[in-house]
Amino acid sequence: MCYVRVMVTTTYGSTPREAGVSMLVSEAGVEGTIGGGQLEWQAIATARRLLAQWGPQPSPSDVEHRERLALGPALGQCCGGAVELAYTPCPLPAPAHQPSLFFLQLHGAGHVGRALVRLLRTLPCEVQWIDERENAFAASTDHGGPARIEYITADMPQAEVAVAPAGAFYLAMTHRHDLDFAIGTEVLRRADHGWLGCIGSLTKRGRFVHRWTARGMDPRALEDFACPVGVDSIPGKSPECIAVAVCAQLLQVAGRRAAPSAESSARHRDIDHGKPRHPRSA
């Protein structure tokens, strides 16, 4: 036995990380993080003490060790909350588990799409990346990081909307406005979609909403349609700047879905997810 898995099982109040995150600790290194600071240093020290105590063949009584730590003056952290940690033997160097933040169906492998995927690769998320061109992903297939990315070449990308799971996020940033509209139409026909965004301008958004309304779409379902896409407080129109803004918006939307009470704090950040004040054009 060469590893100890340290998992945050429960949180109370303000904490650096959420329940479910974990890290792997060996005598020589650490993979993953439960939040850093003195909390993590103490957890690593405990894990290595358990490694020495358990030895290469843990007994049945060594299956799990638990402790509760308050994030106050004793740990030199001012979060004010507390966490419960579980320490378990881990015989294989498997990657530390991180809950998926969201499932995204990303349409378009252009400059912005490629820049966005470079960021998404670093996050625990699931992505279906779709494009009509067979060679669109040639320079993007090899990567590391916790993201699970599926590359899909499709003659009719809008047909792929039906295969995404309930609650999925959808992002249309193809090279054609008519294709973006077709993708959005299929998304809106699903009552179970989690979020819909599209690269473009406020003019593009207005035209799309007008056409969908004329087709009988519920106007309430169009209120959260994000176009232009991306957090408006991040300036710049380069692919990299837009990708950072979009990635930030995805994380914000995922946070609201996971914890509805976070909406009030999001309002204090003065961000309108549906209508950014600085349009970005496709």
Protein backbone atom coordinates (compact mmCIF):
# COMPACT_ATOMS: atom_id res chain seq x y z
CA MET A 1 0.00 0.00 0.00
CA CYS A 2 1.65 3.20 -1.21
CA TYR A 3 -1.07 5.83 -0.98
CA VAL A 4 -3.63 7.31 1.38
CA ARG A 5 -6.70 8.93 -0.09
CA VAL A 6 -7.75 12.00 1.91
CA MET A 7 -11.33 13.02 1.15
CA VAL A 8 -13.43 15.93 2.39
CA THR A 9 -16.61 14.13 3.44
CA THR A 10 -18.51 16.98 5.14
CA THR A 11 -18.18 20.74 5.36
CA TYR A 12 -19.55 23.21 7.87
CA GLY A 13 -19.65 26.94 7.13
CA SER A 14 -16.95 28.57 5.03
CA THR A 15 -14.31 26.10 3.75
CA PRO A 16 -11.62 26.17 1.01
CA ARG A 17 -13.11 23.22 -0.95
CA GLU A 18 -16.42 21.42 -1.22
CA ALA A 19 -17.38 17.97 0.05
CA GLY A 20 -16.29 15.16 -2.27
CA VAL A 21 -12.87 16.48 -3.28
CA SER A 22 -9.84 14.39 -2.42
CA MET A 23 -6.09 14.06 -2.76
CA LEU A 24 -3.66 11.15 -2.82
CA VAL A 25 -0.70 11.20 -0.43
CA SER A 26 2.38 9.02 -0.65
CA GLU A 27 5.69 9.18 1.18
CA ALA A 28 7.19 11.08 -1.74
CA GLY A 29 4.43 13.27 -3.10
CA VAL A 30 0.84 14.54 -3.25
CA GLU A 31 -1.67 14.52 -6.11
CA GLY A 32 -4.72 16.75 -5.96
CA THR A 33 -5.70 19.27 -3.29
CA ILE A 34 -8.29 19.69 -0.55
CA GLY A 35 -7.73 23.43 -0.28
CA GLY A 36 -4.12 24.18 0.58
CA GLY A 37 -2.88 26.06 3.63
CA GLN A 38 -2.40 24.59 7.07
CA LEU A 39 -5.44 22.34 6.63
CA GLU A 40 -3.76 20.52 3.77
CA TRP A 41 -0.34 20.46 5.45
CA GLN A 42 -1.84 18.86 8.55
CA ALA A 43 -3.83 16.36 6.48
CA ILE A 44 -0.68 15.36 4.58
CA ALA A 45 1.20 14.87 7.85
CA THR A 46 -1.64 12.72 9.21
CA ALA A 47 -1.75 10.67 5.99
CA ARG A 48 1.99 9.97 6.14
CA ARG A 49 1.74 9.03 9.81
CA LEU A 50 -1.00 6.55 8.84
CA LEU A 51 1.17 5.20 6.02
CA ALA A 52 3.89 4.38 8.54
CA GLN A 53 1.36 2.96 11.01
CA TRP A 54 -0.54 0.80 8.53
CA GLY A 55 2.50 -0.58 6.72
CA PRO A 56 2.35 -2.36 3.35
CA GLN A 57 -0.61 -4.60 4.33
CA PRO A 58 -3.34 -2.69 6.21
CA SER A 59 -5.49 -4.78 8.56
CA PRO A 60 -9.32 -4.69 8.38
CA SER A 61 -9.37 -2.24 11.29
CA ASP A 62 -7.29 0.20 9.22
CA VAL A 63 -9.91 0.60 6.52
CA GLU A 64 -10.62 4.21 7.40
CA HIS A 65 -9.50 6.99 9.72
CA ARG A 66 -11.66 10.10 10.25
CA GLU A 67 -11.08 13.47 11.84
CA ARG A 68 -12.78 16.83 12.10
CA LEU A 69 -10.74 20.03 11.78
CA ALA A 70 -11.88 23.56 12.59
CA LEU A 71 -10.54 26.24 10.23
CA GLY A 72 -9.80 28.77 12.92
CA PRO A 73 -6.80 30.19 14.80
CA ALA A 74 -5.46 26.73 15.67
CA LEU A 75 -4.84 26.06 11.96
CA GLY A 76 -3.93 29.65 11.12
CA GLN A 77 -6.85 29.90 8.70
CA CYS A 78 -9.65 32.43 8.98
CA CYS A 79 -12.34 30.61 6.98
CA GLY A 80 -14.26 29.99 10.19
CA GLY A 81 -15.82 26.71 9.09
CA ALA A 82 -14.89 23.09 9.67
CA VAL A 83 -14.30 19.97 7.62
CA GLU A 84 -14.49 16.25 8.21
CA LEU A 85 -11.78 14.22 6.51
CA ALA A 86 -11.66 10.51 5.73
CA TYR A 87 -8.30 8.73 5.26
CA THR A 88 -8.40 5.39 3.42
CA PRO A 89 -5.68 3.05 2.10
CA CYS A 90 -5.26 3.24 -1.65
CA PRO A 91 -3.17 0.42 -3.19
CA LEU A 92 -3.17 1.87 -6.73
CA PRO A 93 -1.96 5.30 -7.83
CA ALA A 94 -5.39 6.20 -9.23
CA PRO A 95 -6.08 9.87 -9.87
CA ALA A 96 -7.72 11.72 -7.02
CA HIS A 97 -11.47 11.88 -7.61
CA GLN A 98 -13.01 15.25 -8.40
CA PRO A 99 -16.77 15.61 -8.91
CA SER A 100 -17.71 16.82 -12.39
CA LEU A 101 -18.65 20.51 -12.38
CA PHE A 102 -20.83 20.32 -15.49
CA PHE A 103 -21.49 18.52 -18.76
CA LEU A 104 -20.94 20.79 -21.77
CA GLN A 105 -21.80 20.16 -25.39
CA LEU A 106 -19.48 22.54 -27.23
CA HIS A 107 -20.20 23.18 -30.90
CA GLY A 108 -17.32 24.64 -32.90
CA ALA A 109 -13.58 24.01 -33.08
CA GLY A 110 -12.50 27.40 -34.30
CA HIS A 111 -10.06 29.77 -32.61
CA VAL A 112 -12.29 30.47 -29.60
CA GLY A 113 -13.38 26.84 -29.27
CA ARG A 114 -9.78 25.64 -29.17
CA ALA A 115 -8.79 28.34 -26.66
CA LEU A 116 -11.75 27.41 -24.46
CA VAL A 117 -10.92 23.70 -24.50
CA ARG A 118 -7.39 24.46 -23.36
CA LEU A 119 -8.94 25.95 -20.20
CA LEU A 120 -11.61 23.29 -19.78
CA ARG A 121 -8.96 20.58 -19.80
CA THR A 122 -7.77 21.82 -16.41
CA LEU A 123 -11.23 21.45 -14.82
CA PRO A 124 -13.16 18.38 -13.63
CA CYS A 125 -15.86 18.52 -16.29
CA GLU A 126 -17.27 16.49 -19.18
CA VAL A 127 -17.22 17.91 -22.70
CA GLN A 128 -18.61 16.72 -26.00
CA TRP A 129 -16.71 18.80 -28.58
CA ILE A 130 -18.46 18.78 -31.94
CA ASP A 131 -17.50 20.06 -35.38
CA GLU A 132 -18.36 19.25 -39.00
CA ARG A 133 -14.72 19.11 -40.11
CA GLU A 134 -12.87 15.84 -39.76
CA ASN A 135 -9.50 17.50 -39.14
CA ALA A 136 -10.79 20.14 -36.71
CA PHE A 137 -9.33 18.41 -33.66
CA ALA A 138 -6.03 17.27 -35.18
CA ALA A 139 -3.90 19.46 -32.92
CA SER A 140 -6.09 19.09 -29.86
CA THR A 141 -6.56 15.39 -29.14
CA ASP A 142 -3.63 14.83 -26.78
CA HIS A 143 -3.97 16.44 -23.39
CA GLY A 144 -3.70 15.91 -19.69
CA GLY A 145 -5.86 17.16 -16.87
CA PRO A 146 -9.03 16.01 -15.14
CA ALA A 147 -11.50 16.90 -17.94
CA ARG A 148 -13.10 14.10 -19.96
CA ILE A 149 -13.36 15.32 -23.56
CA GLU A 150 -15.10 13.44 -26.37
CA TYR A 151 -14.32 14.53 -29.94
CA ILE A 152 -17.25 14.19 -32.37
CA THR A 153 -17.24 14.85 -36.12
CA ALA A 154 -20.86 15.21 -37.29
CA ASP A 155 -22.45 16.09 -40.63
CA MET A 156 -25.45 17.50 -38.73
CA PRO A 157 -24.14 18.83 -35.41
CA GLN A 158 -27.61 19.92 -34.29
CA ALA A 159 -28.67 16.25 -34.21
CA GLU A 160 -26.12 15.63 -31.43
CA VAL A 161 -28.14 17.80 -29.04
CA ALA A 162 -30.48 14.87 -28.42
CA VAL A 163 -27.74 12.62 -27.03
CA ALA A 164 -26.58 14.94 -24.24
CA PRO A 165 -27.79 14.14 -20.71
CA ALA A 166 -30.47 16.10 -18.88
CA GLY A 167 -29.15 19.32 -17.38
CA ALA A 168 -26.35 19.63 -19.93
CA PHE A 169 -24.89 23.01 -20.87
CA TYR A 170 -24.77 23.90 -24.58
CA LEU A 171 -22.48 26.38 -26.27
CA ALA A 172 -22.76 27.25 -29.97
CA MET A 173 -19.73 28.95 -31.52
CA THR A 174 -19.62 27.55 -35.05
CA HIS A 175 -18.56 29.36 -38.23
CA ARG A 176 -22.19 29.74 -39.40
CA HIS A 177 -25.01 31.76 -37.83
CA ASP A 178 -27.64 29.47 -39.35
CA LEU A 179 -25.99 26.47 -37.72
CA ASP A 180 -25.81 28.25 -34.37
CA PHE A 181 -29.54 28.96 -34.71
CA ALA A 182 -30.33 25.34 -35.60
CA ILE A 183 -28.34 24.08 -32.60
CA GLY A 184 -30.09 26.53 -30.30
CA THR A 185 -33.48 25.50 -31.66
CA GLU A 186 -32.84 21.85 -30.82
CA VAL A 187 -31.63 22.80 -27.35
CA LEU A 188 -34.72 24.89 -26.61
CA ARG A 189 -36.95 22.01 -27.69
CA ARG A 190 -35.50 20.10 -24.75
CA ALA A 191 -37.18 21.17 -21.54
CA ASP A 192 -34.34 19.65 -19.53
CA HIS A 193 -31.37 21.70 -20.80
CA GLY A 194 -29.29 23.40 -18.14
CA TRP A 195 -27.95 26.43 -20.02
CA LEU A 196 -27.60 27.74 -23.56
CA GLY A 197 -24.93 30.17 -24.75
CA CYS A 198 -23.92 31.44 -28.18
CA ILE A 199 -21.02 33.50 -29.44
CA GLY A 200 -22.11 36.68 -31.18
CA SER A 201 -23.50 40.17 -30.64
CA LEU A 202 -26.60 41.68 -29.05
CA THR A 203 -27.97 42.07 -32.59
CA LYS A 204 -27.54 38.35 -33.18
CA ARG A 205 -29.27 37.61 -29.90
CA GLY A 206 -32.19 39.86 -30.84
CA ARG A 207 -32.63 38.19 -34.23
CA PHE A 208 -32.48 34.69 -32.76
CA VAL A 209 -34.98 35.53 -30.00
CA HIS A 210 -37.33 37.14 -32.53
CA ARG A 211 -37.25 34.08 -34.78
CA TRP A 212 -37.75 31.66 -31.88
CA THR A 213 -40.64 33.71 -30.53
CA ALA A 214 -42.24 33.71 -33.99
CA ARG A 215 -41.96 29.92 -33.96
CA GLY A 216 -43.89 29.72 -30.71
CA MET A 217 -41.05 29.31 -28.22
CA ASP A 218 -41.96 30.32 -24.67
CA PRO A 219 -40.41 33.79 -24.10
CA ARG A 220 -39.59 32.76 -20.52
CA ALA A 221 -37.35 29.99 -21.85
CA LEU A 222 -35.38 32.61 -23.81
CA GLU A 223 -34.65 34.95 -20.90
CA ASP A 224 -31.49 33.09 -19.85
CA PHE A 225 -30.16 32.66 -23.42
CA ALA A 226 -26.60 34.01 -23.15
CA CYS A 227 -25.53 35.90 -26.28
CA PRO A 228 -23.01 37.47 -26.31
CA VAL A 229 -21.49 34.72 -24.23
CA GLY A 230 -18.99 35.30 -21.46
CA VAL A 231 -18.60 37.37 -18.31
CA ASP A 232 -18.78 41.00 -19.43
CA SER A 233 -16.32 42.30 -16.81
CA ILE A 234 -13.43 40.58 -18.63
CA PRO A 235 -12.29 42.90 -21.46
CA GLY A 236 -10.80 41.95 -24.81
CA LYS A 237 -11.94 40.22 -27.99
CA SER A 238 -9.01 37.90 -28.62
CA PRO A 239 -9.86 34.16 -28.62
CA GLU A 240 -7.97 33.75 -25.34
CA CYS A 241 -9.80 36.61 -23.59
CA ILE A 242 -13.20 35.39 -24.79
CA ALA A 243 -12.32 31.86 -23.66
CA VAL A 244 -11.47 33.08 -20.16
CA ALA A 245 -14.75 35.03 -20.01
CA VAL A 246 -16.76 32.03 -21.20
CA CYS A 247 -15.03 29.63 -18.82
CA ALA A 248 -15.78 31.99 -15.93
CA GLN A 249 -19.43 32.15 -16.95
CA LEU A 250 -19.69 28.36 -17.14
CA LEU A 251 -18.31 28.09 -13.61
CA GLN A 252 -20.74 30.73 -12.37
CA VAL A 253 -23.73 28.99 -13.94
CA ALA A 254 -22.58 25.64 -12.58
CA GLY A 255 -22.23 27.19 -9.14
CA ARG A 256 -25.79 28.54 -9.26
CA ARG A 257 -27.13 25.17 -10.35
CA ALA A 258 -25.29 23.40 -7.52
CA ALA A 259 -26.22 25.93 -4.85
CA PRO A 260 -29.26 28.10 -5.66
CA SER A 261 -28.54 30.21 -2.59
CA ALA A 262 -25.41 31.47 -4.36
CA GLU A 263 -27.59 33.58 -6.69
CA SER A 264 -27.79 36.37 -4.15
CA SER A 265 -24.00 36.67 -3.93
CA ALA A 266 -23.75 36.56 -7.73
CA ARG A 267 -26.01 39.62 -7.94
CA HIS A 268 -23.58 41.55 -5.76
CA ARG A 269 -20.93 40.92 -8.40
CA ASP A 270 -23.15 42.88 -10.86
CA ILE A 271 -22.99 40.35 -13.66
CA ASP A 272 -25.88 39.92 -16.11
CA HIS A 273 -25.38 36.45 -17.58
CA GLY A 274 -27.95 36.88 -20.32
CA LYS A 275 -26.93 40.30 -21.71
CA PRO A 276 -23.27 41.30 -21.20
CA ARG A 277 -22.68 45.01 -21.61
CA HIS A 278 -19.63 44.64 -23.88
CA PRO A 279 -20.75 42.64 -26.97
CA ARG A 280 -18.35 40.23 -28.56
CA SER A 281 -18.98 39.37 -32.19
CA ALA A 282 -18.44 35.99 -33.79
